[in-house]
Protein backbone atom coordinates (compact mmCIF):
# COMPACT_ATOMS: atom_id res chain seq x y z
CA MET A 1 7.64 15.24 18.34
CA ASN A 2 5.48 17.93 16.77
CA LEU A 3 6.58 21.59 16.77
CA PHE A 4 3.41 22.70 18.55
CA ASP A 5 4.06 20.22 21.37
CA ARG A 6 7.05 22.32 22.43
CA LEU A 7 5.71 25.84 21.79
CA PRO A 8 2.75 27.71 23.28
CA PRO A 9 -0.36 27.37 21.09
CA GLY A 10 -0.73 31.08 20.22
CA ILE A 11 2.92 31.97 19.70
CA PHE A 12 2.47 32.86 16.02
CA ASN A 13 -0.54 35.14 16.55
CA PRO A 14 1.44 38.39 17.19
CA LEU A 15 3.37 37.87 13.92
CA THR A 16 0.20 38.03 11.82
CA GLY A 17 -1.74 41.08 10.72
CA ARG A 18 -0.72 44.51 9.55
CA ASN A 19 1.83 45.08 12.35
CA ASN A 20 3.80 41.85 11.88
CA ARG A 21 7.04 43.64 10.92
CA ARG A 22 6.81 46.07 13.85
CA THR A 23 6.06 43.18 16.20
CA TRP A 24 9.21 41.40 15.06
CA GLU A 25 11.23 44.60 15.61
CA LEU A 26 9.71 44.78 19.10
CA PHE A 27 10.85 41.20 19.78
CA VAL A 28 14.37 42.08 18.65
CA ARG A 29 14.45 45.14 20.87
CA LEU A 30 13.16 43.28 23.92
CA SER A 31 15.69 40.51 23.31
CA GLU A 32 18.59 42.96 23.10
CA ARG A 33 17.42 44.87 26.16
CA PHE A 34 16.18 42.13 28.49
CA PHE A 35 16.37 38.54 27.23
CA GLY A 36 19.59 38.39 25.21
CA PRO A 37 22.73 36.45 26.20
CA ASP A 38 24.37 39.63 27.55
CA SER A 39 21.39 40.69 29.66
CA VAL A 40 21.40 39.87 33.36
CA PRO A 41 18.05 40.36 35.15
CA PRO A 42 18.25 42.42 38.36
CA PHE A 43 16.00 39.94 40.18
CA PRO A 44 16.04 36.13 40.25
CA ASP A 45 12.45 36.10 38.99
CA GLY A 46 13.13 38.35 35.97
CA TYR A 47 12.34 41.99 35.28
CA LEU A 48 9.69 44.19 36.81
CA LEU A 49 6.58 44.74 34.75
CA ASP A 50 7.13 48.52 34.78
CA GLN A 51 10.59 48.15 33.22
CA VAL A 52 9.31 46.11 30.28
CA THR A 53 6.23 48.30 29.80
CA LYS A 54 8.31 51.50 29.67
CA GLU A 55 10.61 49.94 27.08
CA VAL A 56 7.56 49.07 24.97
CA GLU A 57 6.39 52.69 25.35
CA ARG A 58 9.71 53.96 24.02
CA PHE A 59 9.43 51.53 21.11
CA LEU A 60 5.94 52.80 20.24
CA LEU A 61 7.23 56.38 20.28
CA ASP A 62 10.05 55.45 17.88
CA HIS A 63 7.87 53.39 15.49
CA ASP A 64 4.48 54.03 13.97
CA TRP A 65 1.91 51.48 15.12
CA ASP A 66 -1.08 50.86 12.86
CA ASP A 67 -4.32 50.88 14.85
CA GLY A 68 -6.51 50.29 11.80
CA GLU A 69 -8.91 52.70 10.15
CA GLU A 70 -10.28 53.93 13.48
CA ILE A 71 -8.54 56.94 15.00
CA THR A 72 -8.23 56.43 18.75
CA ASP A 73 -6.90 58.68 21.49
CA THR A 74 -5.61 55.79 23.59
CA PRO A 75 -2.62 56.88 25.70
CA ILE A 76 0.73 55.41 24.77
CA ALA A 77 1.04 53.81 28.22
CA ALA A 78 -2.25 51.94 27.74
CA LYS A 79 -1.11 50.69 24.31
CA ALA A 80 2.17 49.46 25.80
CA ALA A 81 0.37 47.67 28.64
CA GLU A 82 -2.00 46.08 26.14
CA LEU A 83 0.94 44.85 24.03
CA VAL A 84 2.68 43.34 27.06
CA THR A 85 -0.55 41.59 28.04
CA ARG A 86 -0.96 40.19 24.53
CA LEU A 87 2.62 38.90 24.45
CA SER A 88 1.99 37.24 27.80
CA ASP A 89 -1.29 35.67 26.64
CA THR A 90 0.31 34.26 23.46
CA GLY A 91 3.23 32.68 25.32
CA TRP A 92 6.11 34.97 24.36
CA LEU A 93 6.43 36.35 27.88
CA ILE A 94 5.66 34.98 31.34
CA LYS A 95 3.91 37.29 33.78
CA GLU A 96 4.20 36.18 37.43
CA LYS A 97 2.99 38.05 40.49
CA ILE A 98 5.18 37.44 43.52
CA GLY A 99 4.11 39.30 46.59
CA MET A 100 3.18 42.86 45.66
CA ARG A 101 5.31 42.98 42.50
CA THR A 102 4.76 41.54 39.01
CA PHE A 103 7.75 40.09 37.14
CA ILE A 104 8.25 39.44 33.42
CA SER A 105 10.45 36.65 32.03
CA MET A 106 10.72 34.43 28.95
CA ARG A 107 10.60 30.65 28.71
CA PRO A 108 13.89 28.98 27.68
CA THR A 109 12.08 27.14 24.86
CA VAL A 110 10.66 30.40 23.47
CA MET A 111 14.06 32.04 23.82
CA ARG A 112 15.70 29.27 21.78
CA PHE A 113 12.92 29.52 19.20
CA PHE A 114 13.48 33.27 18.85
CA GLU A 115 17.26 32.84 18.54
CA THR A 116 16.70 30.32 15.73
CA LEU A 117 14.40 32.71 13.88
CA GLN A 118 16.80 35.61 14.45
CA GLN A 119 19.72 33.60 13.10
CA PHE A 120 17.68 32.62 10.04
CA ALA A 121 16.76 36.28 9.42
CA THR A 122 20.28 37.71 9.78
CA GLU A 123 22.79 35.04 8.75
CA ASP A 124 24.73 35.37 5.49
CA PRO A 125 25.44 32.60 2.96
CA GLN A 126 27.34 29.80 4.63
CA HIS A 127 31.09 29.34 4.10
CA ILE A 128 31.56 25.69 3.12
CA GLY A 129 35.26 25.66 3.97
CA GLY A 130 34.76 26.69 7.59
CA SER A 131 32.08 24.04 8.14
CA ILE A 132 34.24 21.27 6.66
CA GLN A 133 37.24 22.29 8.77
CA LEU A 134 35.06 22.32 11.89
CA VAL A 135 33.69 18.83 11.16
CA TYR A 136 37.17 17.43 10.44
CA SER A 137 38.63 18.82 13.68
CA GLN A 138 35.68 17.51 15.68
CA LEU A 139 36.02 14.00 14.25
CA GLN A 140 39.70 13.96 15.16
CA SER A 141 38.67 14.71 18.74
CA VAL A 142 36.04 11.95 18.59
CA GLN A 143 38.69 9.48 17.47
CA LYS A 144 40.78 10.28 20.56
CA ASP A 145 37.88 10.33 23.06
CA PRO A 146 34.75 8.65 21.61
CA GLN A 147 32.66 8.70 24.78
CA GLY A 148 33.53 12.25 25.85
CA GLN A 149 33.06 13.69 22.35
CA ALA A 150 29.82 11.84 21.48
CA ALA A 151 27.84 15.09 21.61
CA GLY A 152 30.38 16.67 19.26
CA PHE A 153 29.94 13.74 16.86
CA ALA A 154 26.18 14.42 16.68
CA THR A 155 26.76 18.16 16.28
CA ALA A 156 29.23 17.59 13.43
CA ALA A 157 26.65 15.39 11.69
CA GLN A 158 24.10 18.20 11.94
CA VAL A 159 26.64 20.64 10.48
CA CYS A 160 27.10 18.30 7.49
CA ALA A 161 23.36 18.11 6.92
CA ARG A 162 23.00 21.90 7.11
CA MET A 163 25.91 22.36 4.72
CA ILE A 164 24.35 20.07 2.08
CA ASN A 165 21.04 21.88 2.49
CA SER A 166 22.90 25.18 2.08
CA LEU A 167 24.32 24.06 -1.27
CA ASN A 168 20.85 23.12 -2.44
CA ALA A 169 19.43 26.42 -1.14
CA THR A 170 22.15 28.37 -2.98
CA THR A 171 21.07 26.76 -6.25
CA ILE A 172 17.43 27.63 -5.64
CA ARG A 173 18.32 31.15 -4.55
CA ALA A 174 20.30 31.76 -7.74
CA ARG A 175 17.24 30.87 -9.85
CA ASP A 176 14.90 33.00 -7.72
CA LEU A 177 17.33 35.92 -7.76
CA MET A 178 17.43 35.94 -11.57
CA LYS A 179 13.62 35.97 -11.71
CA ASP A 180 13.67 38.97 -9.38
CA LEU A 181 16.40 40.80 -11.30
CA ILE A 182 14.51 40.53 -14.59
CA LYS A 183 11.79 42.71 -13.04
CA GLU A 184 14.21 45.66 -12.73
CA ASN A 185 12.94 48.54 -14.87
CA THR A 186 16.25 50.33 -15.37
CA THR A 187 19.43 48.94 -16.88
CA PRO A 188 21.77 50.52 -14.25
CA GLY A 189 19.66 49.03 -11.45
CA PHE A 190 19.82 45.57 -13.04
CA ILE A 191 23.60 45.71 -13.50
CA LYS A 192 24.16 46.97 -9.95
CA ARG A 193 22.05 44.22 -8.37
CA PHE A 194 23.53 41.53 -10.64
CA PHE A 195 27.12 42.25 -9.61
CA ALA A 196 26.27 43.01 -5.97
CA GLU A 197 23.92 40.09 -5.20
CA HIS A 198 24.53 37.39 -7.82
CA ILE A 199 28.28 37.73 -8.34
CA GLY A 200 29.28 39.22 -4.98
CA GLU A 201 27.14 37.13 -2.62
CA LEU A 202 26.55 33.83 -4.42
CA TYR A 203 29.35 33.22 -6.90
CA VAL A 204 32.45 34.90 -5.48
CA ARG A 205 31.88 33.98 -1.81
CA ASP A 206 33.58 30.65 -1.23
CA PHE A 207 31.88 29.08 -4.26
CA LYS A 208 34.65 29.88 -6.72
CA GLN A 209 37.17 28.12 -4.44
CA LEU A 210 35.21 24.91 -3.84
CA ARG A 211 36.99 22.96 -6.58
CA THR A 212 40.53 24.03 -5.69
CA GLU A 213 42.97 21.57 -4.13
CA ASN A 214 43.60 23.77 -1.08
CA HIS A 215 39.91 24.12 -0.21
CA PRO A 216 38.88 22.21 2.95
CA LEU A 217 36.16 20.48 0.94
CA SER A 218 38.86 18.10 -0.28
CA LEU A 219 38.88 16.67 3.27
CA ARG A 220 35.44 15.12 2.82
CA PHE A 221 36.89 11.71 1.95
CA GLU A 222 39.06 11.77 5.08
CA ILE A 223 35.94 12.69 7.07
CA ILE A 224 34.11 9.65 5.67
CA HIS A 225 37.15 7.50 6.53
CA LEU A 226 37.20 8.77 10.13
CA VAL A 227 33.45 8.18 10.52
CA THR A 228 33.76 4.64 9.16
CA GLU A 229 36.74 3.92 11.41
CA VAL A 230 35.12 5.05 14.68
CA THR A 231 31.74 3.42 13.95
CA SER A 232 33.02 0.09 12.61
CA ASN A 233 35.34 -0.49 15.56
CA GLU A 234 33.23 -2.26 18.20
CA ILE A 235 35.01 -0.67 21.17
CA GLN A 236 34.82 2.89 19.85
CA ARG A 237 31.23 2.40 18.68
CA ALA A 238 30.22 1.17 22.14
CA LYS A 239 31.84 4.23 23.72
CA ILE A 240 30.00 6.59 21.35
CA LEU A 241 26.70 4.86 22.14
CA THR A 242 27.43 5.23 25.85
CA GLY A 243 28.05 8.93 25.30
CA TYR A 244 24.75 9.24 23.40
CA VAL A 245 22.90 7.63 26.30
CA GLU A 246 24.61 9.85 28.91
CA THR A 247 24.28 13.19 27.07
CA SER A 248 20.87 12.79 25.43
CA GLY A 249 19.09 10.47 27.86
CA LEU A 250 18.26 7.99 25.10
CA SER A 251 17.66 4.29 25.50
CA PRO A 252 20.22 1.89 23.96
CA VAL A 253 17.90 1.17 21.01
CA GLU A 254 17.25 4.88 20.41
CA ALA A 255 21.00 5.58 20.66
CA GLU A 256 21.66 2.98 17.93
CA LEU A 257 19.08 4.63 15.66
CA ALA A 258 20.49 8.11 16.36
CA LEU A 259 24.05 6.94 15.58
CA ASP A 260 22.96 5.35 12.28
CA ARG A 261 21.11 8.55 11.36
CA ASP A 262 24.20 10.67 12.07
CA VAL A 263 26.40 8.33 10.01
CA ASP A 264 24.00 8.75 7.08
CA ARG A 265 24.32 12.52 7.46
CA PHE A 266 28.10 12.27 7.20
CA ARG A 267 27.84 10.07 4.11
CA ARG A 268 25.82 12.77 2.36
CA LEU A 269 29.19 14.45 1.80
CA LEU A 270 29.71 11.92 -1.00
CA ASP A 271 26.90 13.68 -2.90
CA VAL A 272 28.67 17.05 -2.81
CA GLU A 273 29.98 16.57 -6.36
CA THR A 274 26.43 16.21 -7.66
CA PHE A 275 25.40 19.46 -5.96
CA LEU A 276 28.49 21.26 -7.29
CA GLU A 277 27.77 20.17 -10.86
CA ARG A 278 24.19 21.36 -10.54
CA MET A 279 25.37 24.67 -9.08
CA ASP A 280 27.79 25.06 -12.00
CA ARG A 281 24.95 24.60 -14.47
CA VAL A 282 22.66 27.00 -12.62
CA MET A 283 25.35 29.67 -12.21
CA GLU A 284 26.41 29.40 -15.85
CA ALA A 285 22.81 29.58 -17.07
CA ALA A 286 22.08 32.54 -14.79
CA THR A 287 25.19 34.38 -15.95
CA GLN A 288 24.43 33.76 -19.63
CA ARG A 289 20.84 34.88 -19.12
CA ALA A 290 21.96 38.03 -17.33
CA LEU A 291 24.52 38.90 -20.03
CA ALA A 292 21.93 38.36 -22.75
CA PHE A 293 19.46 40.55 -20.88
CA ILE A 294 22.07 43.29 -20.39
CA ASN A 295 22.97 43.11 -24.10
CA TYR A 296 19.30 43.42 -25.02
CA ARG A 297 18.74 46.35 -22.65
CA LEU A 298 21.83 48.17 -23.94
CA LYS A 299 20.98 47.69 -27.62
CA ALA A 300 17.35 46.96 -28.38
CA SER A 301 15.82 49.21 -25.73
CA ASP A 302 17.97 52.22 -26.59
CA ARG A 303 17.36 51.89 -30.32
CA LEU A 304 13.61 51.54 -29.75
CA GLU A 305 13.63 54.70 -27.63
CA TYR A 306 15.44 56.57 -30.41
CA ALA A 307 12.91 55.31 -32.98
CA ILE A 308 9.99 56.44 -30.83
CA GLU A 309 11.62 59.84 -30.30
CA ASP A 310 12.20 60.30 -34.07
CA THR A 311 8.59 59.30 -34.79
CA LEU A 312 7.23 61.84 -32.31
CA ASN A 313 9.44 64.59 -33.75
CA THR A 314 8.28 63.76 -37.28
CA MET A 315 4.61 63.82 -36.24
CA THR A 316 5.15 67.21 -34.55
CA ARG A 317 6.77 68.71 -37.66
CA MET A 318 4.01 67.37 -39.92
CA GLU A 319 1.34 68.85 -37.63
CA LYS A 320 3.05 72.24 -37.71
CA ALA A 321 3.31 72.05 -41.53
CA GLY A 322 -0.39 71.26 -41.82
CA LEU A 323 0.16 67.81 -43.35
CA GLU A 324 -1.99 64.82 -42.53
CA ILE A 325 -0.44 61.58 -41.35
CA GLU A 326 -1.33 58.69 -43.62
CA GLY A 327 -0.57 54.97 -43.34
CA ARG A 328 0.67 53.08 -40.30
CA LEU A 329 3.94 51.85 -38.91
CA LEU A 330 3.24 48.26 -39.98
CA PRO A 331 1.29 47.60 -43.21
CA ALA A 332 -1.83 45.48 -42.94
CA PRO A 333 -1.35 41.88 -44.13
CA PRO A 334 -3.10 40.90 -47.39
CA ILE A 335 -6.49 39.27 -47.04
CA VAL A 336 -5.64 36.50 -49.51
CA SER A 337 -2.11 35.08 -49.50
CA GLU A 338 -0.29 31.78 -49.51
CA ALA A 339 0.45 32.14 -45.79
CA ARG A 340 -3.29 32.08 -45.02
CA LEU A 341 -3.95 28.88 -46.99
CA GLN A 342 -4.42 25.71 -44.99
CA LEU A 343 -1.64 23.21 -45.40
CA PRO A 344 -2.56 19.70 -46.58
CA ARG A 345 -2.92 17.15 -43.86
CA PRO A 346 -0.08 14.66 -43.71
CA ALA A 347 -0.99 11.08 -44.54
CA PRO A 348 -1.29 8.91 -41.44
CA ILE A 349 1.64 6.62 -40.85
CA LYS A 350 0.66 2.99 -41.06
CA PRO A 351 1.73 1.04 -38.02
CA LYS A 352 4.23 -1.70 -38.57
CA ARG A 353 2.84 -5.15 -38.01
CA LEU A 354 4.91 -7.20 -35.64
CA THR A 355 4.64 -10.93 -35.28
CA MET A 356 3.89 -12.28 -31.85
CA LEU A 357 6.85 -14.08 -30.37
CA LYS A 358 6.46 -17.00 -28.04
CA ARG A 359 8.23 -16.37 -24.81
CA GLU A 360 10.80 -18.99 -23.90
CA LEU A 361 11.48 -19.54 -20.23
CA THR A 362 15.02 -19.83 -19.01
CA LEU A 363 16.21 -22.89 -17.13
CA GLN A 364 16.03 -20.99 -13.85
CA GLN A 365 12.46 -19.83 -14.56
CA LYS A 366 11.41 -23.38 -15.49
CA ALA A 367 12.97 -24.73 -12.32
CA MET A 368 11.22 -22.09 -10.20
CA HIS A 369 7.91 -22.87 -11.93
CA GLU A 370 8.23 -26.59 -11.24
CA LEU A 371 9.30 -25.89 -7.67
CA ARG A 372 6.21 -23.74 -7.11
CA ARG A 373 3.98 -26.45 -8.59
CA ALA A 374 5.52 -29.03 -6.28
CA MET A 375 5.09 -26.70 -3.31
CA ILE A 376 1.40 -26.13 -4.09
CA ALA A 377 0.81 -29.83 -4.69
CA SER A 378 2.43 -30.79 -1.38
CA ARG A 379 0.09 -28.43 0.47
CA ASP A 380 -3.08 -29.65 -1.25
CA MET A 381 -5.78 -30.78 1.20
CA SER A 382 -8.71 -31.26 -1.14
CA PRO A 383 -11.09 -34.23 -0.64
CA ALA A 384 -9.30 -36.08 -3.43
CA ALA A 385 -5.90 -35.51 -1.77
CA ALA A 386 -7.22 -36.69 1.60
CA LYS A 387 -8.68 -39.79 -0.04
CA ARG A 388 -5.37 -40.62 -1.74
CA PHE A 389 -3.50 -40.23 1.53
CA ILE A 390 -5.93 -42.56 3.36
CA GLU A 391 -5.70 -45.17 0.61
CA SER A 392 -1.90 -45.06 0.83
CA ILE A 393 -1.75 -45.76 4.57
CA LEU A 394 -4.92 -47.81 5.30
CA GLU A 395 -6.44 -50.98 3.98
CA PRO A 396 -10.28 -51.23 3.71
CA GLY A 397 -11.75 -51.64 7.16
CA GLN A 398 -8.49 -50.72 8.94
CA THR A 399 -8.30 -48.08 11.70
CA LEU A 400 -5.34 -45.95 12.86
CA ASN A 401 -4.87 -43.63 15.81
CA ALA A 402 -3.30 -40.19 15.38
CA THR A 403 0.01 -41.34 16.80
CA GLU A 404 0.20 -44.18 14.25
CA ILE A 405 -0.22 -42.03 11.15
CA PRO A 406 3.14 -41.94 9.32
CA ILE A 407 4.62 -38.47 8.59
CA LYS A 408 7.57 -38.66 6.20
CA GLU A 409 7.29 -35.51 4.09
CA VAL A 410 5.53 -32.14 3.90
CA ARG A 411 2.51 -33.63 2.14
CA ASP A 412 2.03 -36.12 5.00
CA ALA A 413 2.19 -33.32 7.60
CA VAL A 414 -0.42 -31.26 5.72
CA SER A 415 -2.67 -34.33 5.41
CA TYR A 416 -2.27 -35.05 9.14
CA LEU A 417 -3.49 -31.54 10.05
CA GLY A 418 -6.32 -31.81 7.56
CA LEU A 419 -7.48 -35.13 9.04
CA MET A 420 -7.37 -33.64 12.53
CA ARG A 421 -9.58 -30.76 11.36
CA ILE A 422 -12.03 -33.19 9.67
CA ALA A 423 -12.22 -35.20 12.88
CA ALA A 424 -13.00 -32.05 14.88
CA GLN A 425 -15.74 -31.01 12.45
CA ALA A 426 -17.23 -34.50 12.30
CA GLU A 427 -18.53 -34.06 15.85
CA ARG A 428 -20.92 -31.37 14.63
CA THR A 429 -23.85 -33.01 12.85
CA SER A 430 -25.10 -29.78 11.30
CA HIS A 431 -21.77 -29.16 9.66
CA ARG A 432 -21.54 -32.74 8.35
CA ASN A 433 -25.05 -32.62 6.85
CA ARG A 434 -24.44 -29.23 5.30
CA ASN A 435 -21.18 -30.26 3.62
CA PRO A 436 -21.73 -33.13 1.13
CA LEU A 437 -17.97 -33.62 0.75
CA MET A 438 -17.82 -34.91 4.31
CA GLN A 439 -20.09 -37.81 3.33
CA ARG A 440 -18.10 -38.87 0.23
CA LEU A 441 -14.59 -39.12 1.60
CA GLY A 442 -14.59 -42.92 1.91
CA PHE A 443 -13.33 -42.85 5.49
CA ASN A 444 -14.44 -41.75 8.93
CA ALA A 445 -12.53 -39.44 11.25
CA LYS A 446 -13.53 -38.81 14.85
CA LEU A 447 -12.06 -37.44 18.05
CA ASN A 448 -11.38 -39.83 20.90
CA THR A 449 -13.33 -37.93 23.53
CA ASN A 450 -12.88 -40.70 26.09
CA ASP A 451 -9.12 -40.43 25.84
CA LYS A 452 -8.00 -37.24 27.61
CA GLU A 453 -4.36 -37.63 26.56
CA LYS A 454 -2.96 -35.69 23.63
CA ALA A 455 -1.58 -37.27 20.50
CA GLU A 456 2.14 -36.47 20.48
CA THR A 457 4.19 -36.99 17.32
CA ASP A 458 7.60 -35.77 16.23
CA LEU A 459 6.04 -32.62 14.77
CA PHE A 460 2.67 -31.99 16.44
CA ILE A 461 0.78 -32.22 19.71
CA THR A 462 -2.93 -32.48 18.85
CA PRO A 463 -6.15 -33.86 20.31
CA ASN A 464 -6.22 -37.63 19.94
CA PHE A 465 -8.31 -38.83 17.00
CA SER A 466 -8.69 -41.97 14.89
CA ILE A 467 -9.16 -42.67 11.17
CA SER A 468 -10.98 -45.71 9.78
CA ARG A 469 -11.32 -46.60 6.11
CA LYS A 470 -14.72 -47.82 4.93
CA GLU A 471 -15.16 -51.29 3.41
CA ASN A 472 -16.50 -51.77 -0.13
CA TYR A 473 -16.72 -48.00 -0.67
CA ALA A 474 -17.75 -46.99 -4.20
CA PRO A 475 -17.40 -43.25 -4.92
């Protein structure tokens, strides 16, 4: 299913433009005040329009709203009403008029969408240990009650997938953070952000304990064992599939696919070591780069500042003494020097001549080649092959019906079908005159139109036809 099949079409419109940050803050405020988990509407149909509009007015008074280059004297109440109308038109809010009063509410789908965005905007780096412990405890419950804990099995699989993605995101974030830290102009600012964000948030938090024996990540092999045990046992697997059908409303085939997908998510835990090694390399490279940058900023930058300060002081003293400044900081390079001469071109390397080697086929390759040749030959239905088959089963002037044609091998079956096709085409005079091969076969094939019965053999049921070999035929 596509994302836009579940959301209103214009839901992203308020988050664009110059007021996108203020609009998001307005969403957060409305969620905390009206549509959050702790908010209970006073009416079954939601909140009154006046309540929501007044809250938007208070928000506009607390925050500056950019109206563009034009200076307008629009009252704050009109701006708030316009904002509520826009949120209703774009699908964030639902405006319903019941009787003489207008109520405001929010769709459950939009509410879930906002909670997901809010979690993404506010959540901290994930603790791997807590996620692993949660998955392990859930799988123990699934082992005791497979059908009742089927939903928990799917949720634990999603937690595993998010945890692996978190490890990958931590690696990418470490690289991006170093690119951002290099842009710091001051050395104290760089050092403060390096230890606060890189060391404090990425390296120290849970990452330094991932390889210890007491860390819950060591339970990943037991998790894989539990998953294999409950999914390989036919009884427990059937109970989990029944739980999938009952909780998710899936068909049996869709439940099988969903279970296999969740098992693959659990097995991604086997790739954790690869992610940890990559994180080690990234963290070590980032730390070395940061230390080298700090060393450069503490030494080279300070010395260069001192040199510039001494140069300015010297120029000031020379100006006061009435002396002219001659020369430059770096002398000009000589016009003619060995460094400016063009180096001789290296002689081209002659390619080594290699003799062509004849490829020798192995016994298996030779056998496969001969088998393919025999297969192609047995399926040959050229005029020459048809003629050979007729000569092997008929004497000159002899006639056979379709049921009398012997079929002993694959080549005979192919020839039988080819003769049936020739007999069907022989009824059309235009086709026979247009194809000279039909006139040089040395035999005649025709359908028995008078006989309405089918020709039944051990392999085929075809229209009844007969084959007669010509006498004294000279090709």
